[in-house]
């Protein structure tokens, strides 16, 4: 992940956010749950399930299914 710096002109230093993302297509990165932290939405290419990976200030929480048939 390349976090934003808040300036709109550059990105921060890259941070490894996990492994095993191969079966996923990234659908979006942003604050989807309104807590002020960037979250990740992915689609499982095998099951076509849409997952939200909410992030706290430092770690990702347990994923949540937010859709199916994608």
PDB file of N, CA and C in Angstrom:
ATOM      1  N   UNK A   1       0.860  -1.162   0.000  1.00  0.00           N
ATOM      2  CA  UNK A   1       0.000   0.000   0.000  1.00  0.00           C
ATOM      3  C   UNK A   1       0.904   1.220   0.000  1.00  0.00           C
ATOM      4  N   UNK A   2       0.507   2.227  -0.770  1.00  0.00           N
ATOM      5  CA  UNK A   2       1.183   3.510  -0.772  1.00  0.00           C
ATOM      6  C   UNK A   2       0.225   4.521  -0.159  1.00  0.00           C
ATOM      7  N   UNK A   3       0.384   4.847   1.123  1.00  0.00           N
ATOM      8  CA  UNK A   3      -0.555   5.755   1.777  1.00  0.00           C
ATOM      9  C   UNK A   3      -0.429   7.178   1.244  1.00  0.00           C
ATOM     10  N   UNK A   4      -1.543   7.894   1.277  1.00  0.00           N
ATOM     11  CA  UNK A   4      -1.514   9.302   0.897  1.00  0.00           C
ATOM     12  C   UNK A   4      -0.806  10.122   1.957  1.00  0.00           C
ATOM     13  N   UNK A   5      -0.320  11.285   1.556  1.00  0.00           N
ATOM     14  CA  UNK A   5       0.372  12.169   2.495  1.00  0.00           C
ATOM     15  C   UNK A   5      -0.503  13.334   2.940  1.00  0.00           C
ATOM     16  N   UNK A   6      -1.684  13.437   2.343  1.00  0.00           N
ATOM     17  CA  UNK A   6      -2.572  14.541   2.680  1.00  0.00           C
ATOM     18  C   UNK A   6      -2.351  15.777   1.842  1.00  0.00           C
ATOM     19  N   UNK A   7      -1.339  15.763   0.985  1.00  0.00           N
ATOM     20  CA  UNK A   7      -1.053  16.932   0.164  1.00  0.00           C
ATOM     21  C   UNK A   7      -1.705  16.842  -1.206  1.00  0.00           C
ATOM     22  N   UNK A   8      -2.109  15.642  -1.595  1.00  0.00           N
ATOM     23  CA  UNK A   8      -2.694  15.452  -2.914  1.00  0.00           C
ATOM     24  C   UNK A   8      -1.667  15.409  -4.022  1.00  0.00           C
ATOM     25  N   UNK A   9      -0.402  15.602  -3.682  1.00  0.00           N
ATOM     26  CA  UNK A   9       0.633  15.662  -4.700  1.00  0.00           C
ATOM     27  C   UNK A   9       1.593  14.489  -4.661  1.00  0.00           C
ATOM     28  N   UNK A  10       1.592  13.731  -3.579  1.00  0.00           N
ATOM     29  CA  UNK A  10       2.562  12.644  -3.482  1.00  0.00           C
ATOM     30  C   UNK A  10       2.009  11.518  -2.618  1.00  0.00           C
ATOM     31  N   UNK A  11       2.713  10.404  -2.638  1.00  0.00           N
ATOM     32  CA  UNK A  11       2.350   9.252  -1.826  1.00  0.00           C
ATOM     33  C   UNK A  11       3.418   9.018  -0.774  1.00  0.00           C
ATOM     34  N   UNK A  12       3.009   8.402   0.334  1.00  0.00           N
ATOM     35  CA  UNK A  12       3.951   8.070   1.387  1.00  0.00           C
ATOM     36  C   UNK A  12       4.764   6.837   1.041  1.00  0.00           C
ATOM     37  N   UNK A  13       5.584   6.430   1.963  1.00  0.00           N
ATOM     38  CA  UNK A  13       6.419   5.244   1.804  1.00  0.00           C
ATOM     39  C   UNK A  13       5.555   3.992   1.773  1.00  0.00           C
ATOM     40  N   UNK A  14       5.880   3.049   0.890  1.00  0.00           N
ATOM     41  CA  UNK A  14       5.078   1.829   0.761  1.00  0.00           C
ATOM     42  C   UNK A  14       5.129   1.001   2.038  1.00  0.00           C
ATOM     43  N   UNK A  15       4.006   0.330   2.322  1.00  0.00           N
ATOM     44  CA  UNK A  15       3.873  -0.513   3.501  1.00  0.00           C
ATOM     45  C   UNK A  15       3.250  -1.834   3.062  1.00  0.00           C
ATOM     46  N   UNK A  16       3.858  -2.979   3.430  1.00  0.00           N
ATOM     47  CA  UNK A  16       3.261  -4.270   3.101  1.00  0.00           C
ATOM     48  C   UNK A  16       2.063  -4.478   3.999  1.00  0.00           C
ATOM     49  N   UNK A  17       0.897  -4.741   3.396  1.00  0.00           N
ATOM     50  CA  UNK A  17      -0.323  -4.897   4.178  1.00  0.00           C
ATOM     51  C   UNK A  17      -0.782  -6.345   4.255  1.00  0.00           C
ATOM     52  N   UNK A  18      -0.023  -7.253   3.710  1.00  0.00           N
ATOM     53  CA  UNK A  18      -0.387  -8.658   3.807  1.00  0.00           C
ATOM     54  C   UNK A  18       0.145  -9.458   2.643  1.00  0.00           C
ATOM     55  N   UNK A  19      -0.153 -10.740   2.690  1.00  0.00           N
ATOM     56  CA  UNK A  19       0.222 -11.646   1.611  1.00  0.00           C
ATOM     57  C   UNK A  19      -1.000 -12.486   1.259  1.00  0.00           C
ATOM     58  N   UNK A  20      -0.940 -13.187   0.159  1.00  0.00           N
ATOM     59  CA  UNK A  20      -2.044 -14.053  -0.238  1.00  0.00           C
ATOM     60  C   UNK A  20      -3.175 -13.337  -0.953  1.00  0.00           C
ATOM     61  N   UNK A  21      -2.896 -12.194  -1.573  1.00  0.00           N
ATOM     62  CA  UNK A  21      -3.926 -11.411  -2.263  1.00  0.00           C
ATOM     63  C   UNK A  21      -4.165 -11.896  -3.687  1.00  0.00           C
ATOM     64  N   UNK A  22      -3.466 -12.935  -4.148  1.00  0.00           N
ATOM     65  CA  UNK A  22      -3.555 -13.380  -5.543  1.00  0.00           C
ATOM     66  C   UNK A  22      -4.960 -13.677  -6.044  1.00  0.00           C
ATOM     67  N   UNK A  23      -5.871 -14.268  -5.243  1.00  0.00           N
ATOM     68  CA  UNK A  23      -7.195 -14.570  -5.804  1.00  0.00           C
ATOM     69  C   UNK A  23      -8.134 -13.360  -5.847  1.00  0.00           C
ATOM     70  N   UNK A  24      -7.630 -12.174  -5.537  1.00  0.00           N
ATOM     71  CA  UNK A  24      -8.497 -11.000  -5.429  1.00  0.00           C
ATOM     72  C   UNK A  24      -8.232  -9.971  -6.521  1.00  0.00           C
ATOM     73  N   UNK A  25      -9.294  -9.278  -6.890  1.00  0.00           N
ATOM     74  CA  UNK A  25      -9.200  -8.073  -7.697  1.00  0.00           C
ATOM     75  C   UNK A  25      -9.540  -6.915  -6.772  1.00  0.00           C
ATOM     76  N   UNK A  26      -8.692  -5.930  -6.713  1.00  0.00           N
ATOM     77  CA  UNK A  26      -8.949  -4.788  -5.843  1.00  0.00           C
ATOM     78  C   UNK A  26     -10.017  -3.913  -6.469  1.00  0.00           C
ATOM     79  N   UNK A  27     -11.064  -3.637  -5.694  1.00  0.00           N
ATOM     80  CA  UNK A  27     -12.187  -2.852  -6.189  1.00  0.00           C
ATOM     81  C   UNK A  27     -12.140  -1.423  -5.680  1.00  0.00           C
ATOM     82  N   UNK A  28     -11.412  -1.173  -4.613  1.00  0.00           N
ATOM     83  CA  UNK A  28     -11.341   0.192  -4.114  1.00  0.00           C
ATOM     84  C   UNK A  28     -10.549   0.301  -2.838  1.00  0.00           C
ATOM     85  N   UNK A  29      -9.958   1.462  -2.669  1.00  0.00           N
ATOM     86  CA  UNK A  29      -9.242   1.775  -1.444  1.00  0.00           C
ATOM     87  C   UNK A  29      -9.686   3.165  -1.027  1.00  0.00           C
ATOM     88  N   UNK A  30     -10.101   3.285   0.202  1.00  0.00           N
ATOM     89  CA  UNK A  30     -10.578   4.559   0.734  1.00  0.00           C
ATOM     90  C   UNK A  30     -11.253   4.308   2.068  1.00  0.00           C
ATOM     91  N   UNK A  31     -11.809   5.334   2.648  1.00  0.00           N
ATOM     92  CA  UNK A  31     -12.485   5.195   3.941  1.00  0.00           C
ATOM     93  C   UNK A  31     -13.948   4.838   3.704  1.00  0.00           C
ATOM     94  N   UNK A  32     -14.223   3.554   3.583  1.00  0.00           N
ATOM     95  CA  UNK A  32     -15.568   3.102   3.253  1.00  0.00           C
ATOM     96  C   UNK A  32     -16.500   3.012   4.448  1.00  0.00           C
ATOM     97  N   UNK A  33     -15.949   2.857   5.651  1.00  0.00           N
ATOM     98  CA  UNK A  33     -16.819   2.717   6.823  1.00  0.00           C
ATOM     99  C   UNK A  33     -16.895   3.989   7.664  1.00  0.00           C
ATOM    100  N   UNK A  34     -16.278   5.071   7.216  1.00  0.00           N
ATOM    101  CA  UNK A  34     -16.426   6.370   7.859  1.00  0.00           C
ATOM    102  C   UNK A  34     -15.672   6.570   9.155  1.00  0.00           C
ATOM    103  N   UNK A  35     -14.649   5.732   9.430  1.00  0.00           N
ATOM    104  CA  UNK A  35     -13.915   5.893  10.686  1.00  0.00           C
ATOM    105  C   UNK A  35     -12.641   6.720  10.547  1.00  0.00           C
ATOM    106  N   UNK A  36     -12.398   7.256   9.360  1.00  0.00           N
ATOM    107  CA  UNK A  36     -11.225   8.095   9.149  1.00  0.00           C
ATOM    108  C   UNK A  36      -9.969   7.342   8.748  1.00  0.00           C
ATOM    109  N   UNK A  37     -10.056   6.026   8.581  1.00  0.00           N
ATOM    110  CA  UNK A  37      -8.903   5.211   8.186  1.00  0.00           C
ATOM    111  C   UNK A  37      -9.163   4.555   6.834  1.00  0.00           C
ATOM    112  N   UNK A  38      -8.118   4.392   6.015  1.00  0.00           N
ATOM    113  CA  UNK A  38      -8.310   3.785   4.696  1.00  0.00           C
ATOM    114  C   UNK A  38      -8.626   2.294   4.802  1.00  0.00           C
ATOM    115  N   UNK A  39      -9.651   1.864   4.105  1.00  0.00           N
ATOM    116  CA  UNK A  39     -10.070   0.465   4.055  1.00  0.00           C
ATOM    117  C   UNK A  39      -9.790  -0.074   2.659  1.00  0.00           C
ATOM    118  N   UNK A  40      -9.945  -1.369   2.489  1.00  0.00           N
ATOM    119  CA  UNK A  40      -9.743  -1.996   1.186  1.00  0.00           C
ATOM    120  C   UNK A  40     -10.970  -2.840   0.859  1.00  0.00           C
ATOM    121  N   UNK A  41     -11.453  -2.719  -0.373  1.00  0.00           N
ATOM    122  CA  UNK A  41     -12.529  -3.588  -0.865  1.00  0.00           C
ATOM    123  C   UNK A  41     -11.950  -4.428  -1.990  1.00  0.00           C
ATOM    124  N   UNK A  42     -12.176  -5.751  -1.903  1.00  0.00           N
ATOM    125  CA  UNK A  42     -11.681  -6.672  -2.918  1.00  0.00           C
ATOM    126  C   UNK A  42     -12.793  -7.612  -3.355  1.00  0.00           C
ATOM    127  N   UNK A  43     -12.642  -8.123  -4.570  1.00  0.00           N
ATOM    128  CA  UNK A  43     -13.543  -9.160  -5.077  1.00  0.00           C
ATOM    129  C   UNK A  43     -12.750 -10.446  -5.192  1.00  0.00           C
ATOM    130  N   UNK A  44     -13.286 -11.515  -4.590  1.00  0.00           N
ATOM    131  CA  UNK A  44     -12.682 -12.837  -4.732  1.00  0.00           C
ATOM    132  C   UNK A  44     -13.025 -13.328  -6.131  1.00  0.00           C
ATOM    133  N   UNK A  45     -12.012 -13.525  -6.966  1.00  0.00           N
ATOM    134  CA  UNK A  45     -12.233 -13.899  -8.362  1.00  0.00           C
ATOM    135  C   UNK A  45     -12.815 -15.292  -8.523  1.00  0.00           C
ATOM    136  N   UNK A  46     -12.679 -16.150  -7.515  1.00  0.00           N
ATOM    137  CA  UNK A  46     -13.214 -17.504  -7.578  1.00  0.00           C
ATOM    138  C   UNK A  46     -14.675 -17.550  -7.146  1.00  0.00           C
ATOM    139  N   UNK A  47     -14.983 -16.947  -6.003  1.00  0.00           N
ATOM    140  CA  UNK A  47     -16.341 -17.023  -5.446  1.00  0.00           C
ATOM    141  C   UNK A  47     -17.214 -15.838  -5.834  1.00  0.00           C
ATOM    142  N   UNK A  48     -16.609 -14.779  -6.371  1.00  0.00           N
ATOM    143  CA  UNK A  48     -17.292 -13.541  -6.758  1.00  0.00           C
ATOM    144  C   UNK A  48     -17.924 -12.828  -5.561  1.00  0.00           C
ATOM    145  N   UNK A  49     -17.339 -13.033  -4.388  1.00  0.00           N
ATOM    146  CA  UNK A  49     -17.787 -12.350  -3.172  1.00  0.00           C
ATOM    147  C   UNK A  49     -16.997 -11.060  -3.020  1.00  0.00           C
ATOM    148  N   UNK A  50     -17.684 -10.006  -2.610  1.00  0.00           N
ATOM    149  CA  UNK A  50     -17.064  -8.717  -2.357  1.00  0.00           C
ATOM    150  C   UNK A  50     -16.786  -8.602  -0.866  1.00  0.00           C
ATOM    151  N   UNK A  51     -15.534  -8.300  -0.517  1.00  0.00           N
ATOM    152  CA  UNK A  51     -15.110  -8.224   0.874  1.00  0.00           C
ATOM    153  C   UNK A  51     -14.625  -6.822   1.227  1.00  0.00           C
ATOM    154  N   UNK A  52     -14.964  -6.386   2.413  1.00  0.00           N
ATOM    155  CA  UNK A  52     -14.419  -5.157   2.988  1.00  0.00           C
ATOM    156  C   UNK A  52     -13.384  -5.564   4.022  1.00  0.00           C
ATOM    157  N   UNK A  53     -12.176  -5.030   3.886  1.00  0.00           N
ATOM    158  CA  UNK A  53     -11.133  -5.194   4.891  1.00  0.00           C
ATOM    159  C   UNK A  53     -10.997  -3.856   5.603  1.00  0.00           C
ATOM    160  N   UNK A  54     -11.712  -3.674   6.731  1.00  0.00           N
ATOM    161  CA  UNK A  54     -11.622  -2.406   7.453  1.00  0.00           C
ATOM    162  C   UNK A  54     -10.274  -2.279   8.149  1.00  0.00           C
ATOM    163  N   UNK A  55      -9.784  -1.063   8.231  1.00  0.00           N
ATOM    164  CA  UNK A  55      -8.471  -0.840   8.839  1.00  0.00           C
ATOM    165  C   UNK A  55      -8.629   0.107  10.018  1.00  0.00           C
ATOM    166  N   UNK A  56      -7.972  -0.246  11.107  1.00  0.00           N
ATOM    167  CA  UNK A  56      -7.877   0.693  12.224  1.00  0.00           C
ATOM    168  C   UNK A  56      -6.676   1.578  11.930  1.00  0.00           C
ATOM    169  N   UNK A  57      -6.164   2.258  12.894  1.00  0.00           N
ATOM    170  CA  UNK A  57      -5.032   3.143  12.632  1.00  0.00           C
ATOM    171  C   UNK A  57      -3.765   2.397  12.239  1.00  0.00           C
ATOM    172  N   UNK A  58      -3.649   1.111  12.648  1.00  0.00           N
ATOM    173  CA  UNK A  58      -2.403   0.395  12.362  1.00  0.00           C
ATOM    174  C   UNK A  58      -2.576  -0.973  11.715  1.00  0.00           C
ATOM    175  N   UNK A  59      -3.722  -1.629  11.878  1.00  0.00           N
ATOM    176  CA  UNK A  59      -3.887  -2.993  11.360  1.00  0.00           C
ATOM    177  C   UNK A  59      -5.247  -3.155  10.701  1.00  0.00           C
ATOM    178  N   UNK A  60      -5.363  -4.192   9.861  1.00  0.00           N
ATOM    179  CA  UNK A  60      -6.646  -4.519   9.263  1.00  0.00           C
ATOM    180  C   UNK A  60      -7.436  -5.403  10.208  1.00  0.00           C
ATOM    181  N   UNK A  61      -8.723  -5.144  10.322  1.00  0.00           N
ATOM    182  CA  UNK A  61      -9.612  -5.961  11.146  1.00  0.00           C
ATOM    183  C   UNK A  61     -10.110  -7.138  10.324  1.00  0.00           C
ATOM    184  N   UNK A  62     -10.905  -7.995  10.934  1.00  0.00           N
ATOM    185  CA  UNK A  62     -11.488  -9.143  10.251  1.00  0.00           C
ATOM    186  C   UNK A  62     -12.315  -8.681   9.059  1.00  0.00           C
ATOM    187  N   UNK A  63     -12.153  -9.339   7.939  1.00  0.00           N
ATOM    188  CA  UNK A  63     -12.893  -8.952   6.733  1.00  0.00           C
ATOM    189  C   UNK A  63     -14.390  -9.151   6.941  1.00  0.00           C
ATOM    190  N   UNK A  64     -15.160  -8.383   6.181  1.00  0.00           N
ATOM    191  CA  UNK A  64     -16.615  -8.452   6.247  1.00  0.00           C
ATOM    192  C   UNK A  64     -17.165  -8.613   4.832  1.00  0.00           C
ATOM    193  N   UNK A  65     -18.050  -9.589   4.631  1.00  0.00           N
ATOM    194  CA  UNK A  65     -18.670  -9.760   3.333  1.00  0.00           C
ATOM    195  C   UNK A  65     -19.672  -8.631   3.122  1.00  0.00           C
ATOM    196  N   UNK A  66     -19.558  -7.944   1.988  1.00  0.00           N
ATOM    197  CA  UNK A  66     -20.468  -6.835   1.703  1.00  0.00           C
ATOM    198  C   UNK A  66     -21.220  -7.022   0.394  1.00  0.00           C
ATOM    199  N   UNK A  67     -20.994  -8.147  -0.285  1.00  0.00           N
ATOM    200  CA  UNK A  67     -21.724  -8.393  -1.528  1.00  0.00           C
ATOM    201  C   UNK A  67     -21.412  -9.765  -2.088  1.00  0.00           C
ATOM    202  N   UNK A  68     -22.234 -10.202  -3.040  1.00  0.00           N
ATOM    203  CA  UNK A  68     -22.031 -11.481  -3.714  1.00  0.00           C
ATOM    204  C   UNK A  68     -22.438 -11.345  -5.176  1.00  0.00           C
ATOM    205  N   UNK A  69     -21.928 -12.215  -6.003  1.00  0.00           N
ATOM    206  CA  UNK A  69     -22.277 -12.197  -7.412  1.00  0.00           C
ATOM    207  C   UNK A  69     -21.549 -11.142  -8.223  1.00  0.00           C
ATOM    208  N   UNK A  70     -20.447 -10.643  -7.729  1.00  0.00           N
ATOM    209  CA  UNK A  70     -19.678  -9.622  -8.435  1.00  0.00           C
ATOM    210  C   UNK A  70     -18.710 -10.276  -9.387  1.00  0.00           C
TER     211      UNK A  70
END
